[in-house]
Amino acid sequence: MTQLQTRIPGYLDKVYALRNPDGGWGLNYAYDKFGNGTVNPADTTYTVTITDHVGLVFLDAYQAGLVPAADIATLQAKLDAAEKR
């Protein structure tokens, strides 16, 4: 087992620790995207965070057998719900 392979579970633990209560991921800080005073709370889930940041990591980890299929299904459900908005 390589040094990276031994570190992966710890990295995944850190990613899981940043998960929002709704099962998605975001910025973990309040954010006013448009500078108009409409602030999204720190636990807002963003599609780009799921697809470009967490999603790629989870897909690779899933293929390596380190992330359960249920977690991939949760990400997919979040993306499906966002698409319907």
Protein backbone atom coordinates (compact mmCIF):
# COMPACT_ATOMS: atom_id res chain seq x y z
CA MET A 1 0.00 0.00 0.00
CA THR A 2 1.36 3.41 -0.96
CA GLN A 3 1.69 6.36 1.40
CA LEU A 4 -1.17 8.10 -0.44
CA GLN A 5 -3.43 5.07 -0.08
CA THR A 6 -2.87 5.08 3.67
CA ARG A 7 -3.80 8.78 3.83
CA ILE A 8 -6.99 8.59 1.78
CA PRO A 9 -9.31 7.48 4.62
CA GLY A 10 -8.17 10.47 6.70
CA TYR A 11 -8.80 12.83 3.79
CA LEU A 12 -12.26 11.37 3.30
CA ASP A 13 -12.98 11.83 7.01
CA LYS A 14 -12.17 15.53 6.62
CA VAL A 15 -14.50 15.85 3.63
CA TYR A 16 -17.31 14.06 5.48
CA ALA A 17 -16.81 16.39 8.47
CA LEU A 18 -17.57 19.37 6.21
CA ARG A 19 -20.89 17.93 5.03
CA ASN A 20 -23.93 20.14 5.52
CA PRO A 21 -26.91 18.90 7.56
CA ASP A 22 -28.88 18.41 4.31
CA GLY A 23 -26.25 15.98 2.97
CA GLY A 24 -24.58 18.38 0.54
CA TRP A 25 -21.53 20.60 0.68
CA GLY A 26 -21.00 24.33 0.44
CA LEU A 27 -18.60 27.03 1.48
CA ASN A 28 -18.98 26.69 5.26
CA TYR A 29 -19.30 30.46 5.59
CA ALA A 30 -22.07 32.96 4.86
CA TYR A 31 -21.80 34.40 1.36
CA ASP A 32 -23.39 37.35 -0.45
CA LYS A 33 -22.82 36.32 -4.06
CA PHE A 34 -24.33 39.42 -5.64
CA GLY A 35 -23.34 42.00 -3.03
CA ASN A 36 -26.97 42.96 -2.53
CA GLY A 37 -27.38 41.99 1.11
CA THR A 38 -28.98 38.62 0.31
CA VAL A 39 -26.64 36.37 2.24
CA ASN A 40 -26.71 32.60 1.89
CA PRO A 41 -26.10 30.93 5.26
CA ALA A 42 -22.90 28.98 5.93
CA ASP A 43 -24.70 25.65 5.49
CA THR A 44 -26.01 26.41 1.98
CA THR A 45 -25.37 23.54 -0.42
CA TYR A 46 -24.01 24.61 -3.81
CA THR A 47 -24.20 22.50 -6.96
CA VAL A 48 -20.70 23.50 -8.06
CA THR A 49 -19.27 22.28 -4.76
CA ILE A 50 -20.92 18.91 -5.24
CA THR A 51 -19.92 18.50 -8.88
CA ASP A 52 -16.47 20.05 -9.06
CA HIS A 53 -15.07 19.68 -5.57
CA VAL A 54 -16.61 16.80 -3.65
CA GLY A 55 -18.14 14.81 -6.48
CA LEU A 56 -14.92 14.02 -8.28
CA VAL A 57 -13.22 12.96 -5.05
CA PHE A 58 -16.15 10.74 -4.10
CA LEU A 59 -16.37 9.10 -7.52
CA ASP A 60 -12.68 8.21 -7.43
CA ALA A 61 -13.00 6.96 -3.86
CA TYR A 62 -16.11 4.96 -4.77
CA GLN A 63 -14.25 3.27 -7.62
CA ALA A 64 -11.51 2.39 -5.14
CA GLY A 65 -14.10 0.88 -2.79
CA LEU A 66 -13.70 3.57 -0.13
CA VAL A 67 -17.07 5.33 -0.39
CA PRO A 68 -20.39 3.47 -0.22
CA ALA A 69 -22.86 3.60 -3.11
CA ALA A 70 -25.40 5.27 -0.80
CA ASP A 71 -23.18 8.36 -0.60
CA ILE A 72 -22.98 8.57 -4.38
CA ALA A 73 -26.77 8.22 -4.52
CA THR A 74 -27.10 11.13 -2.05
CA LEU A 75 -24.94 13.33 -4.27
CA GLN A 76 -27.02 12.35 -7.30
CA ALA A 77 -30.24 13.14 -5.44
CA LYS A 78 -28.90 16.60 -4.52
CA LEU A 79 -28.04 17.28 -8.15
CA ASP A 80 -31.44 16.02 -9.34
CA ALA A 81 -33.21 18.27 -6.84
CA ALA A 82 -31.14 21.28 -7.93
CA GLU A 83 -31.95 20.62 -11.57
CA LYS A 84 -35.69 20.73 -10.81
CA ARG A 85 -35.46 24.19 -9.22
